Amino acid sequence: LPNELRHIQEITAVPLVIGTLQITK
């Protein structure tokens, strides 16, 4: 989930996080 990923970034101090998404019709 979005808030989970942000939390991971905060507690690990990773400077950059990138995620990919498919598209809808």
PDB file of all heavy atoms in Angstrom:
ATOM      1  N   LEU A   1       0.828  -1.200   0.000  1.00  0.00           N
ATOM      2  CA  LEU A   1       0.000   0.000   0.000  1.00  0.00           C
ATOM      3  C   LEU A   1       0.867   1.256   0.000  1.00  0.00           C
ATOM      4  O   LEU A   1       2.017   1.225   0.454  1.00  0.00           O
ATOM      5  CB  LEU A   1      -0.913   0.008   1.224  1.00  0.00           C
ATOM      6  CG  LEU A   1      -1.910  -1.148   1.330  1.00  0.00           C
ATOM      7  CD1 LEU A   1      -2.670  -1.076   2.642  1.00  0.00           C
ATOM      8  CD2 LEU A   1      -2.870  -1.143   0.152  1.00  0.00           C
ATOM      9  N   PRO A   2       0.352   2.379  -0.512  1.00  0.00           N
ATOM     10  CA  PRO A   2       1.144   3.611  -0.588  1.00  0.00           C
ATOM     11  C   PRO A   2       1.730   4.049   0.754  1.00  0.00           C
ATOM     12  O   PRO A   2       2.911   4.394   0.838  1.00  0.00           O
ATOM     13  CB  PRO A   2       0.140   4.637  -1.131  1.00  0.00           C
ATOM     14  CG  PRO A   2      -0.829   3.832  -1.908  1.00  0.00           C
ATOM     15  CD  PRO A   2      -0.967   2.549  -1.174  1.00  0.00           C
ATOM     16  N   ASN A   3       0.904   4.031   1.800  1.00  0.00           N
ATOM     17  CA  ASN A   3       1.423   4.470   3.103  1.00  0.00           C
ATOM     18  C   ASN A   3       2.454   3.495   3.663  1.00  0.00           C
ATOM     19  O   ASN A   3       3.381   3.893   4.376  1.00  0.00           O
ATOM     20  CB  ASN A   3       0.281   4.685   4.098  1.00  0.00           C
ATOM     21  CG  ASN A   3      -0.516   3.419   4.365  1.00  0.00           C
ATOM     22  OD1 ASN A   3      -0.581   2.527   3.534  1.00  0.00           O
ATOM     23  ND2 ASN A   3      -1.138   3.342   5.533  1.00  0.00           N
ATOM     24  N   GLU A   4       2.322   2.209   3.329  1.00  0.00           N
ATOM     25  CA  GLU A   4       3.309   1.219   3.763  1.00  0.00           C
ATOM     26  C   GLU A   4       4.660   1.467   3.094  1.00  0.00           C
ATOM     27  O   GLU A   4       5.708   1.394   3.748  1.00  0.00           O
ATOM     28  CB  GLU A   4       2.828  -0.195   3.440  1.00  0.00           C
ATOM     29  CG  GLU A   4       1.641  -0.655   4.252  1.00  0.00           C
ATOM     30  CD  GLU A   4       1.133  -2.014   3.832  1.00  0.00           C
ATOM     31  OE1 GLU A   4       1.286  -2.368   2.637  1.00  0.00           O
ATOM     32  OE2 GLU A   4       0.582  -2.725   4.676  1.00  0.00           O
ATOM     33  N   LEU A   5       4.618   1.770   1.803  1.00  0.00           N
ATOM     34  CA  LEU A   5       5.868   1.990   1.082  1.00  0.00           C
ATOM     35  C   LEU A   5       6.563   3.255   1.585  1.00  0.00           C
ATOM     36  O   LEU A   5       7.791   3.285   1.742  1.00  0.00           O
ATOM     37  CB  LEU A   5       5.599   2.093  -0.423  1.00  0.00           C
ATOM     38  CG  LEU A   5       6.830   2.144  -1.321  1.00  0.00           C
ATOM     39  CD1 LEU A   5       7.760   0.965  -1.052  1.00  0.00           C
ATOM     40  CD2 LEU A   5       6.431   2.173  -2.793  1.00  0.00           C
ATOM     41  N   ARG A   6       5.802   4.293   1.850  1.00  0.00           N
ATOM     42  CA  ARG A   6       6.391   5.516   2.405  1.00  0.00           C
ATOM     43  C   ARG A   6       6.996   5.237   3.785  1.00  0.00           C
ATOM     44  O   ARG A   6       8.061   5.759   4.128  1.00  0.00           O
ATOM     45  CB  ARG A   6       5.337   6.599   2.524  1.00  0.00           C
ATOM     46  CG  ARG A   6       5.167   7.436   1.292  1.00  0.00           C
ATOM     47  CD  ARG A   6       6.402   8.253   0.960  1.00  0.00           C
ATOM     48  NE  ARG A   6       6.088   9.330   0.033  1.00  0.00           N
ATOM     49  CZ  ARG A   6       6.968  10.120  -0.513  1.00  0.00           C
ATOM     50  NH1 ARG A   6       8.258   9.955  -0.274  1.00  0.00           N
ATOM     51  NH2 ARG A   6       6.602  11.084  -1.340  1.00  0.00           N
ATOM     52  N   HIS A   7       6.325   4.415   4.569  1.00  0.00           N
ATOM     53  CA  HIS A   7       6.839   4.087   5.887  1.00  0.00           C
ATOM     54  C   HIS A   7       8.157   3.317   5.776  1.00  0.00           C
ATOM     55  O   HIS A   7       9.109   3.590   6.532  1.00  0.00           O
ATOM     56  CB  HIS A   7       5.819   3.263   6.664  1.00  0.00           C
ATOM     57  CG  HIS A   7       6.234   2.941   8.066  1.00  0.00           C
ATOM     58  ND1 HIS A   7       6.474   3.908   9.016  1.00  0.00           N
ATOM     59  CD2 HIS A   7       6.489   1.755   8.676  1.00  0.00           C
ATOM     60  CE1 HIS A   7       6.837   3.342  10.150  1.00  0.00           C
ATOM     61  NE2 HIS A   7       6.857   2.033   9.975  1.00  0.00           N
ATOM     62  N   ILE A   8       8.225   2.395   4.826  1.00  0.00           N
ATOM     63  CA  ILE A   8       9.474   1.661   4.598  1.00  0.00           C
ATOM     64  C   ILE A   8      10.592   2.631   4.234  1.00  0.00           C
ATOM     65  O   ILE A   8      11.723   2.525   4.726  1.00  0.00           O
ATOM     66  CB  ILE A   8       9.275   0.616   3.479  1.00  0.00           C
ATOM     67  CG1 ILE A   8       8.372  -0.511   3.962  1.00  0.00           C
ATOM     68  CG2 ILE A   8      10.621   0.053   3.014  1.00  0.00           C
ATOM     69  CD1 ILE A   8       7.964  -1.474   2.871  1.00  0.00           C
ATOM     70  N   GLN A   9      10.279   3.585   3.373  1.00  0.00           N
ATOM     71  CA  GLN A   9      11.287   4.565   2.971  1.00  0.00           C
ATOM     72  C   GLN A   9      11.757   5.388   4.162  1.00  0.00           C
ATOM     73  O   GLN A   9      12.951   5.667   4.304  1.00  0.00           O
ATOM     74  CB  GLN A   9      10.720   5.480   1.886  1.00  0.00           C
ATOM     75  CG  GLN A   9      11.738   6.456   1.310  1.00  0.00           C
ATOM     76  CD  GLN A   9      11.187   7.276   0.160  1.00  0.00           C
ATOM     77  OE1 GLN A   9       9.979   7.450   0.039  1.00  0.00           O
ATOM     78  NE2 GLN A   9      12.060   7.763  -0.695  1.00  0.00           N
ATOM     79  N   GLU A  10      10.836   5.750   5.027  1.00  0.00           N
ATOM     80  CA  GLU A  10      11.186   6.576   6.180  1.00  0.00           C
ATOM     81  C   GLU A  10      12.062   5.832   7.187  1.00  0.00           C
ATOM     82  O   GLU A  10      13.062   6.361   7.672  1.00  0.00           O
ATOM     83  CB  GLU A  10       9.914   7.072   6.862  1.00  0.00           C
ATOM     84  CG  GLU A  10       9.174   8.122   6.049  1.00  0.00           C
ATOM     85  CD  GLU A  10       7.812   8.449   6.639  1.00  0.00           C
ATOM     86  OE1 GLU A  10       7.423   7.792   7.633  1.00  0.00           O
ATOM     87  OE2 GLU A  10       7.137   9.346   6.110  1.00  0.00           O
ATOM     88  N   ILE A  11      11.709   4.585   7.512  1.00  0.00           N
ATOM     89  CA  ILE A  11      12.435   3.869   8.556  1.00  0.00           C
ATOM     90  C   ILE A  11      13.774   3.318   8.071  1.00  0.00           C
ATOM     91  O   ILE A  11      14.644   2.992   8.883  1.00  0.00           O
ATOM     92  CB  ILE A  11      11.585   2.731   9.167  1.00  0.00           C
ATOM     93  CG1 ILE A  11      11.290   1.647   8.129  1.00  0.00           C
ATOM     94  CG2 ILE A  11      10.307   3.295   9.775  1.00  0.00           C
ATOM     95  CD1 ILE A  11      10.559   0.444   8.700  1.00  0.00           C
ATOM     96  N   THR A  12      13.938   3.205   6.744  1.00  0.00           N
ATOM     97  CA  THR A  12      15.216   2.719   6.209  1.00  0.00           C
ATOM     98  C   THR A  12      16.071   3.832   5.626  1.00  0.00           C
ATOM     99  O   THR A  12      17.222   3.593   5.255  1.00  0.00           O
ATOM    100  CB  THR A  12      14.987   1.654   5.115  1.00  0.00           C
ATOM    101  OG1 THR A  12      14.207   2.224   4.052  1.00  0.00           O
ATOM    102  CG2 THR A  12      14.271   0.444   5.683  1.00  0.00           C
ATOM    103  N   ALA A  13      15.503   5.046   5.523  1.00  0.00           N
ATOM    104  CA  ALA A  13      16.217   6.218   4.992  1.00  0.00           C
ATOM    105  C   ALA A  13      16.731   5.991   3.572  1.00  0.00           C
ATOM    106  O   ALA A  13      17.813   6.454   3.212  1.00  0.00           O
ATOM    107  CB  ALA A  13      17.375   6.605   5.915  1.00  0.00           C
ATOM    108  N   VAL A  14      15.955   5.291   2.733  1.00  0.00           N
ATOM    109  CA  VAL A  14      16.326   5.103   1.339  1.00  0.00           C
ATOM    110  C   VAL A  14      16.063   6.411   0.589  1.00  0.00           C
ATOM    111  O   VAL A  14      14.928   6.892   0.587  1.00  0.00           O
ATOM    112  CB  VAL A  14      15.525   3.958   0.690  1.00  0.00           C
ATOM    113  CG1 VAL A  14      15.915   3.782  -0.767  1.00  0.00           C
ATOM    114  CG2 VAL A  14      15.746   2.666   1.441  1.00  0.00           C
ATOM    115  N   PRO A  15      17.077   6.998  -0.050  1.00  0.00           N
ATOM    116  CA  PRO A  15      16.896   8.305  -0.691  1.00  0.00           C
ATOM    117  C   PRO A  15      15.900   8.324  -1.845  1.00  0.00           C
ATOM    118  O   PRO A  15      15.277   9.348  -2.104  1.00  0.00           O
ATOM    119  CB  PRO A  15      18.304   8.654  -1.191  1.00  0.00           C
ATOM    120  CG  PRO A  15      19.227   7.860  -0.323  1.00  0.00           C
ATOM    121  CD  PRO A  15      18.496   6.584  -0.053  1.00  0.00           C
ATOM    122  N   LEU A  16      15.751   7.194  -2.560  1.00  0.00           N
ATOM    123  CA  LEU A  16      14.886   7.171  -3.743  1.00  0.00           C
ATOM    124  C   LEU A  16      14.120   5.860  -3.810  1.00  0.00           C
ATOM    125  O   LEU A  16      14.707   4.785  -3.694  1.00  0.00           O
ATOM    126  CB  LEU A  16      15.711   7.345  -5.015  1.00  0.00           C
ATOM    127  CG  LEU A  16      14.977   7.198  -6.354  1.00  0.00           C
ATOM    128  CD1 LEU A  16      13.910   8.266  -6.518  1.00  0.00           C
ATOM    129  CD2 LEU A  16      15.957   7.237  -7.520  1.00  0.00           C
ATOM    130  N   VAL A  17      12.808   5.953  -4.031  1.00  0.00           N
ATOM    131  CA  VAL A  17      11.965   4.775  -4.241  1.00  0.00           C
ATOM    132  C   VAL A  17      11.183   4.975  -5.536  1.00  0.00           C
ATOM    133  O   VAL A  17      10.580   6.032  -5.750  1.00  0.00           O
ATOM    134  CB  VAL A  17      10.991   4.554  -3.072  1.00  0.00           C
ATOM    135  CG1 VAL A  17      10.026   3.407  -3.391  1.00  0.00           C
ATOM    136  CG2 VAL A  17      11.757   4.254  -1.788  1.00  0.00           C
ATOM    137  N   ILE A  18      11.229   3.957  -6.393  1.00  0.00           N
ATOM    138  CA  ILE A  18      10.507   3.984  -7.665  1.00  0.00           C
ATOM    139  C   ILE A  18       9.594   2.755  -7.728  1.00  0.00           C
ATOM    140  O   ILE A  18       9.984   1.655  -7.331  1.00  0.00           O
ATOM    141  CB  ILE A  18      11.486   3.942  -8.862  1.00  0.00           C
ATOM    142  CG1 ILE A  18      12.383   5.175  -8.873  1.00  0.00           C
ATOM    143  CG2 ILE A  18      10.716   3.839 -10.182  1.00  0.00           C
ATOM    144  CD1 ILE A  18      11.666   6.468  -9.116  1.00  0.00           C
ATOM    145  N   GLY A  19       8.385   2.940  -8.242  1.00  0.00           N
ATOM    146  CA  GLY A  19       7.471   1.825  -8.448  1.00  0.00           C
ATOM    147  C   GLY A  19       6.835   1.901  -9.823  1.00  0.00           C
ATOM    148  O   GLY A  19       6.649   2.995 -10.366  1.00  0.00           O
ATOM    149  N   THR A  20       6.524   0.750 -10.406  1.00  0.00           N
ATOM    150  CA  THR A  20       5.875   0.719 -11.718  1.00  0.00           C
ATOM    151  C   THR A  20       4.407   0.325 -11.567  1.00  0.00           C
ATOM    152  O   THR A  20       4.028  -0.397 -10.640  1.00  0.00           O
ATOM    153  CB  THR A  20       6.560  -0.274 -12.675  1.00  0.00           C
ATOM    154  OG1 THR A  20       6.356  -1.616 -12.215  1.00  0.00           O
ATOM    155  CG2 THR A  20       8.054   0.012 -12.771  1.00  0.00           C
ATOM    156  N   LEU A  21       3.592   0.841 -12.494  1.00  0.00           N
ATOM    157  CA  LEU A  21       2.165   0.526 -12.530  1.00  0.00           C
ATOM    158  C   LEU A  21       1.730   0.276 -13.970  1.00  0.00           C
ATOM    159  O   LEU A  21       2.215   0.937 -14.898  1.00  0.00           O
ATOM    160  CB  LEU A  21       1.334   1.680 -11.960  1.00  0.00           C
ATOM    161  CG  LEU A  21       1.313   1.890 -10.441  1.00  0.00           C
ATOM    162  CD1 LEU A  21       0.559   3.176 -10.123  1.00  0.00           C
ATOM    163  CD2 LEU A  21       0.676   0.707  -9.736  1.00  0.00           C
ATOM    164  N   GLN A  22       0.811  -0.666 -14.156  1.00  0.00           N
ATOM    165  CA  GLN A  22       0.169  -0.853 -15.448  1.00  0.00           C
ATOM    166  C   GLN A  22      -0.872   0.246 -15.642  1.00  0.00           C
ATOM    167  O   GLN A  22      -1.081   1.085 -14.765  1.00  0.00           O
ATOM    168  CB  GLN A  22      -0.497  -2.239 -15.504  1.00  0.00           C
ATOM    169  CG  GLN A  22       0.462  -3.405 -15.390  1.00  0.00           C
ATOM    170  CD  GLN A  22       1.220  -3.648 -16.688  1.00  0.00           C
ATOM    171  OE1 GLN A  22       1.005  -2.974 -17.697  1.00  0.00           O
ATOM    172  NE2 GLN A  22       2.128  -4.616 -16.668  1.00  0.00           N
ATOM    173  N   ILE A  23      -1.546   0.252 -16.789  1.00  0.00           N
ATOM    174  CA  ILE A  23      -2.598   1.235 -17.035  1.00  0.00           C
ATOM    175  C   ILE A  23      -3.951   0.551 -17.185  1.00  0.00           C
ATOM    176  O   ILE A  23      -4.041  -0.647 -17.472  1.00  0.00           O
ATOM    177  CB  ILE A  23      -2.314   2.088 -18.288  1.00  0.00           C
ATOM    178  CG1 ILE A  23      -2.260   1.208 -19.550  1.00  0.00           C
ATOM    179  CG2 ILE A  23      -1.045   2.880 -18.130  1.00  0.00           C
ATOM    180  CD1 ILE A  23      -2.213   2.005 -20.838  1.00  0.00           C
ATOM    181  N   THR A  24      -4.995   1.340 -16.978  1.00  0.00           N
ATOM    182  CA  THR A  24      -6.357   0.861 -17.173  1.00  0.00           C
ATOM    183  C   THR A  24      -6.740   1.002 -18.652  1.00  0.00           C
ATOM    184  O   THR A  24      -5.977   1.526 -19.465  1.00  0.00           O
ATOM    185  CB  THR A  24      -7.336   1.687 -16.321  1.00  0.00           C
ATOM    186  OG1 THR A  24      -7.310   3.048 -16.801  1.00  0.00           O
ATOM    187  CG2 THR A  24      -6.928   1.663 -14.856  1.00  0.00           C
ATOM    188  N   LYS A  25      -7.947   0.575 -18.993  1.00  0.00           N
ATOM    189  CA  LYS A  25      -8.431   0.732 -20.359  1.00  0.00           C
ATOM    190  C   LYS A  25      -8.550   2.198 -20.751  1.00  0.00           C
ATOM    191  O   LYS A  25      -8.488   2.541 -21.933  1.00  0.00           O
ATOM    192  CB  LYS A  25      -9.782   0.030 -20.520  1.00  0.00           C
ATOM    193  CG  LYS A  25      -9.699  -1.494 -20.413  1.00  0.00           C
ATOM    194  CD  LYS A  25     -11.062  -2.132 -20.592  1.00  0.00           C
ATOM    195  CE  LYS A  25     -10.964  -3.650 -20.510  1.00  0.00           C
ATOM    196  NZ  LYS A  25     -12.294  -4.306 -20.657  1.00  0.00           N
TER     197      LYS A  25
END
